[in-house]
Amino acid sequence: MQVYQTKKKEFLQAFGRVMSKLRADSKRSARSVAYDINMSKTTLLLSETGKLDPQITTFCRIAEAYYLKPEKLLQMIYEELPENWTMTEDDN
């Protein structure tokens, strides 16, 4: 269970970094992005800091806010993680 919690934290932190970059690149405020996807600004900022694990529907809405397909957003998150990173325990 400890490995899962660590991996989850790593993933959510990578997600937050990607979201922060996307928002900075778009030069939009958190309030503006949150409004566009019908989400509270607090929820959006918690996601950006890696403290919130969004539901899949929320993940899709976030992708759409940046004119991305969900699979592209997921790809960007994986690019933030170490090569060959997995959500499961490594067999090394």
N, C-alpha and C. Protein backbone atom coordinates (compact mmCIF):
# COMPACT_ATOMS: atom_id res chain seq x y z
N MET A 1 0.82 -1.20 0.00
CA MET A 1 0.00 0.00 0.00
C MET A 1 0.87 1.26 0.00
N GLN A 2 2.00 1.22 0.68
CA GLN A 2 2.90 2.37 0.74
C GLN A 2 3.41 2.74 -0.65
N VAL A 3 3.75 1.73 -1.46
CA VAL A 3 4.24 1.98 -2.82
C VAL A 3 3.16 2.70 -3.62
N TYR A 4 1.92 2.26 -3.51
CA TYR A 4 0.83 2.89 -4.25
C TYR A 4 0.69 4.36 -3.84
N GLN A 5 0.74 4.64 -2.56
CA GLN A 5 0.59 6.02 -2.10
C GLN A 5 1.73 6.90 -2.63
N THR A 6 2.93 6.36 -2.65
CA THR A 6 4.08 7.10 -3.17
C THR A 6 3.91 7.36 -4.66
N LYS A 7 3.52 6.34 -5.41
CA LYS A 7 3.33 6.47 -6.85
C LYS A 7 2.19 7.45 -7.15
N LYS A 8 1.12 7.37 -6.39
CA LYS A 8 0.00 8.28 -6.57
C LYS A 8 0.45 9.73 -6.36
N LYS A 9 1.23 9.95 -5.32
CA LYS A 9 1.73 11.29 -5.02
C LYS A 9 2.61 11.80 -6.15
N GLU A 10 3.49 10.96 -6.67
CA GLU A 10 4.36 11.34 -7.79
C GLU A 10 3.53 11.73 -9.01
N PHE A 11 2.51 10.93 -9.30
CA PHE A 11 1.65 11.19 -10.46
C PHE A 11 0.91 12.51 -10.28
N LEU A 12 0.31 12.72 -9.12
CA LEU A 12 -0.46 13.94 -8.89
C LEU A 12 0.42 15.17 -8.92
N GLN A 13 1.66 15.04 -8.44
CA GLN A 13 2.59 16.17 -8.50
C GLN A 13 2.95 16.49 -9.96
N ALA A 14 3.16 15.47 -10.77
CA ALA A 14 3.43 15.68 -12.19
C ALA A 14 2.23 16.33 -12.87
N PHE A 15 1.03 15.88 -12.54
CA PHE A 15 -0.19 16.45 -13.07
C PHE A 15 -0.26 17.93 -12.71
N GLY A 16 0.03 18.24 -11.47
CA GLY A 16 0.02 19.64 -11.02
C GLY A 16 1.02 20.50 -11.77
N ARG A 17 2.22 19.97 -11.99
CA ARG A 17 3.24 20.73 -12.73
C ARG A 17 2.77 21.03 -14.16
N VAL A 18 2.17 20.03 -14.79
CA VAL A 18 1.67 20.22 -16.16
C VAL A 18 0.56 21.26 -16.16
N MET A 19 -0.36 21.17 -15.22
CA MET A 19 -1.46 22.13 -15.17
C MET A 19 -0.94 23.55 -14.95
N SER A 20 0.02 23.70 -14.06
CA SER A 20 0.59 25.02 -13.79
C SER A 20 1.25 25.60 -15.05
N LYS A 21 1.99 24.75 -15.76
CA LYS A 21 2.64 25.20 -17.00
C LYS A 21 1.61 25.60 -18.04
N LEU A 22 0.58 24.78 -18.19
CA LEU A 22 -0.47 25.09 -19.17
C LEU A 22 -1.14 26.42 -18.86
N ARG A 23 -1.43 26.65 -17.60
CA ARG A 23 -2.10 27.90 -17.23
C ARG A 23 -1.17 29.09 -17.42
N ALA A 24 0.10 28.92 -17.04
CA ALA A 24 1.07 30.01 -17.24
C ALA A 24 1.24 30.32 -18.72
N ASP A 25 1.36 29.27 -19.53
CA ASP A 25 1.52 29.46 -20.98
C ASP A 25 0.30 30.12 -21.62
N SER A 26 -0.88 29.82 -21.08
CA SER A 26 -2.10 30.40 -21.63
C SER A 26 -2.35 31.82 -21.12
N LYS A 27 -1.56 32.23 -20.11
CA LYS A 27 -1.70 33.57 -19.51
C LYS A 27 -3.11 33.83 -18.98
N ARG A 28 -3.71 32.76 -18.44
CA ARG A 28 -5.06 32.86 -17.88
C ARG A 28 -4.99 32.76 -16.37
N SER A 29 -5.93 33.37 -15.72
CA SER A 29 -6.01 33.27 -14.27
C SER A 29 -6.67 31.96 -13.88
N ALA A 30 -6.42 31.54 -12.66
CA ALA A 30 -7.07 30.34 -12.15
C ALA A 30 -8.58 30.52 -12.15
N ARG A 31 -9.02 31.70 -11.82
CA ARG A 31 -10.46 31.99 -11.81
C ARG A 31 -11.06 31.81 -13.21
N SER A 32 -10.37 32.29 -14.24
CA SER A 32 -10.86 32.19 -15.61
C SER A 32 -10.95 30.73 -16.06
N VAL A 33 -9.91 29.97 -15.81
CA VAL A 33 -9.92 28.55 -16.20
C VAL A 33 -11.01 27.81 -15.45
N ALA A 34 -11.08 28.03 -14.14
CA ALA A 34 -12.08 27.36 -13.32
C ALA A 34 -13.49 27.70 -13.79
N TYR A 35 -13.72 28.94 -14.11
CA TYR A 35 -15.04 29.36 -14.60
C TYR A 35 -15.40 28.63 -15.89
N ASP A 36 -14.44 28.55 -16.82
CA ASP A 36 -14.69 27.91 -18.11
C ASP A 36 -15.10 26.44 -17.99
N ILE A 37 -14.61 25.78 -16.96
CA ILE A 37 -14.91 24.34 -16.81
C ILE A 37 -15.85 24.06 -15.64
N ASN A 38 -16.47 25.13 -15.13
CA ASN A 38 -17.46 24.99 -14.06
C ASN A 38 -16.88 24.27 -12.84
N MET A 39 -15.77 24.81 -12.37
CA MET A 39 -15.06 24.24 -11.23
C MET A 39 -14.69 25.41 -10.31
N SER A 40 -14.59 25.14 -9.04
CA SER A 40 -14.17 26.22 -8.15
C SER A 40 -12.68 26.50 -8.35
N LYS A 41 -12.32 27.73 -8.11
CA LYS A 41 -10.91 28.13 -8.22
C LYS A 41 -10.08 27.32 -7.23
N THR A 42 -10.61 27.07 -6.05
CA THR A 42 -9.90 26.30 -5.03
C THR A 42 -9.61 24.88 -5.52
N THR A 43 -10.60 24.25 -6.13
CA THR A 43 -10.42 22.89 -6.65
C THR A 43 -9.35 22.87 -7.72
N LEU A 44 -9.37 23.86 -8.60
CA LEU A 44 -8.37 23.94 -9.65
C LEU A 44 -6.97 24.10 -9.04
N LEU A 45 -6.83 24.98 -8.08
CA LEU A 45 -5.52 25.22 -7.47
C LEU A 45 -5.04 24.01 -6.66
N LEU A 46 -5.95 23.29 -6.03
CA LEU A 46 -5.57 22.06 -5.33
C LEU A 46 -5.04 21.03 -6.33
N SER A 47 -5.64 20.97 -7.51
CA SER A 47 -5.15 20.07 -8.55
C SER A 47 -3.76 20.49 -9.01
N GLU A 48 -3.56 21.79 -9.16
CA GLU A 48 -2.26 22.29 -9.60
C GLU A 48 -1.15 22.02 -8.59
N THR A 49 -1.50 21.89 -7.34
CA THR A 49 -0.48 21.63 -6.32
C THR A 49 -0.34 20.14 -6.02
N GLY A 50 -1.07 19.30 -6.76
CA GLY A 50 -0.96 17.86 -6.57
C GLY A 50 -1.67 17.35 -5.33
N LYS A 51 -2.57 18.13 -4.79
CA LYS A 51 -3.27 17.74 -3.56
C LYS A 51 -4.67 17.20 -3.81
N LEU A 52 -5.05 17.09 -5.08
CA LEU A 52 -6.38 16.60 -5.40
C LEU A 52 -6.28 15.59 -6.53
N ASP A 53 -6.94 14.49 -6.36
CA ASP A 53 -6.98 13.43 -7.37
C ASP A 53 -8.32 13.57 -8.09
N PRO A 54 -8.32 14.19 -9.28
CA PRO A 54 -9.59 14.47 -9.93
C PRO A 54 -10.26 13.22 -10.50
N GLN A 55 -11.57 13.26 -10.56
CA GLN A 55 -12.32 12.21 -11.23
C GLN A 55 -12.02 12.30 -12.72
N ILE A 56 -12.27 11.24 -13.44
CA ILE A 56 -11.98 11.20 -14.87
C ILE A 56 -12.74 12.28 -15.62
N THR A 57 -13.96 12.56 -15.22
CA THR A 57 -14.73 13.61 -15.90
C THR A 57 -14.11 14.98 -15.66
N THR A 58 -13.60 15.21 -14.47
CA THR A 58 -12.92 16.47 -14.17
C THR A 58 -11.63 16.56 -14.97
N PHE A 59 -10.90 15.46 -15.06
CA PHE A 59 -9.67 15.42 -15.85
C PHE A 59 -9.97 15.82 -17.30
N CYS A 60 -11.06 15.30 -17.85
CA CYS A 60 -11.44 15.62 -19.23
C CYS A 60 -11.80 17.09 -19.37
N ARG A 61 -12.51 17.64 -18.39
CA ARG A 61 -12.86 19.06 -18.44
C ARG A 61 -11.62 19.93 -18.37
N ILE A 62 -10.65 19.54 -17.56
CA ILE A 62 -9.40 20.30 -17.47
C ILE A 62 -8.68 20.27 -18.81
N ALA A 63 -8.61 19.11 -19.44
CA ALA A 63 -7.98 19.00 -20.76
C ALA A 63 -8.67 19.94 -21.74
N GLU A 64 -9.98 19.93 -21.75
CA GLU A 64 -10.73 20.77 -22.68
C GLU A 64 -10.50 22.26 -22.42
N ALA A 65 -10.27 22.64 -21.19
CA ALA A 65 -10.00 24.05 -20.87
C ALA A 65 -8.76 24.55 -21.59
N TYR A 66 -7.84 23.64 -21.89
CA TYR A 66 -6.59 24.00 -22.58
C TYR A 66 -6.60 23.50 -24.02
N TYR A 67 -7.79 23.18 -24.52
CA TYR A 67 -7.96 22.74 -25.92
C TYR A 67 -7.11 21.51 -26.24
N LEU A 68 -7.06 20.60 -25.27
CA LEU A 68 -6.32 19.35 -25.43
C LEU A 68 -7.28 18.17 -25.35
N LYS A 69 -6.93 17.10 -26.00
CA LYS A 69 -7.64 15.84 -25.80
C LYS A 69 -7.09 15.25 -24.50
N PRO A 70 -7.93 14.53 -23.75
CA PRO A 70 -7.46 13.94 -22.49
C PRO A 70 -6.20 13.09 -22.67
N GLU A 71 -6.10 12.36 -23.77
CA GLU A 71 -4.91 11.52 -23.97
C GLU A 71 -3.65 12.35 -24.13
N LYS A 72 -3.76 13.56 -24.69
CA LYS A 72 -2.59 14.44 -24.82
C LYS A 72 -2.19 14.96 -23.44
N LEU A 73 -3.16 15.31 -22.62
CA LEU A 73 -2.85 15.76 -21.27
C LEU A 73 -2.17 14.64 -20.49
N LEU A 74 -2.68 13.43 -20.62
CA LEU A 74 -2.07 12.29 -19.94
C LEU A 74 -0.64 12.07 -20.44
N GLN A 75 -0.43 12.20 -21.72
CA GLN A 75 0.92 12.06 -22.29
C GLN A 75 1.86 13.11 -21.69
N MET A 76 1.38 14.32 -21.56
CA MET A 76 2.21 15.39 -20.99
C MET A 76 2.57 15.08 -19.54
N ILE A 77 1.65 14.48 -18.81
CA ILE A 77 1.92 14.11 -17.42
C ILE A 77 3.01 13.04 -17.38
N TYR A 78 2.88 12.03 -18.21
CA TYR A 78 3.88 10.96 -18.25
C TYR A 78 5.25 11.48 -18.66
N GLU A 79 5.29 12.51 -19.49
CA GLU A 79 6.56 13.10 -19.88
C GLU A 79 7.24 13.82 -18.71
N GLU A 80 6.47 14.18 -17.70
CA GLU A 80 6.99 14.81 -16.48
C GLU A 80 7.58 13.78 -15.51
N LEU A 81 7.24 12.53 -15.70
CA LEU A 81 7.68 11.46 -14.81
C LEU A 81 8.94 10.81 -15.33
N PRO A 82 9.69 10.12 -14.48
CA PRO A 82 10.89 9.42 -14.96
C PRO A 82 10.55 8.41 -16.04
N GLU A 83 11.49 8.17 -16.93
CA GLU A 83 11.29 7.19 -18.01
C GLU A 83 10.95 5.83 -17.42
N ASN A 84 10.02 5.15 -18.04
CA ASN A 84 9.55 3.82 -17.62
C ASN A 84 8.85 3.83 -16.26
N TRP A 85 8.37 4.97 -15.83
CA TRP A 85 7.63 5.08 -14.57
C TRP A 85 6.33 4.31 -14.70
N THR A 86 5.94 3.62 -13.66
CA THR A 86 4.66 2.92 -13.62
C THR A 86 3.95 3.21 -12.30
N MET A 87 2.68 2.94 -12.27
CA MET A 87 1.89 3.13 -11.05
C MET A 87 2.07 1.97 -10.08
N THR A 88 2.63 0.88 -10.57
CA THR A 88 2.82 -0.30 -9.73
C THR A 88 4.27 -0.39 -9.25
N GLU A 89 4.49 -1.27 -8.33
CA GLU A 89 5.82 -1.47 -7.77
C GLU A 89 6.79 -1.99 -8.84
N ASP A 90 7.99 -1.45 -8.85
CA ASP A 90 9.00 -1.89 -9.81
C ASP A 90 9.51 -3.28 -9.43
N ASP A 91 9.84 -4.09 -10.42
CA ASP A 91 10.35 -5.43 -10.19
C ASP A 91 11.88 -5.48 -10.27
N ASN A 92 12.53 -4.52 -9.70
CA ASN A 92 14.01 -4.49 -9.78
C ASN A 92 14.65 -5.24 -8.66
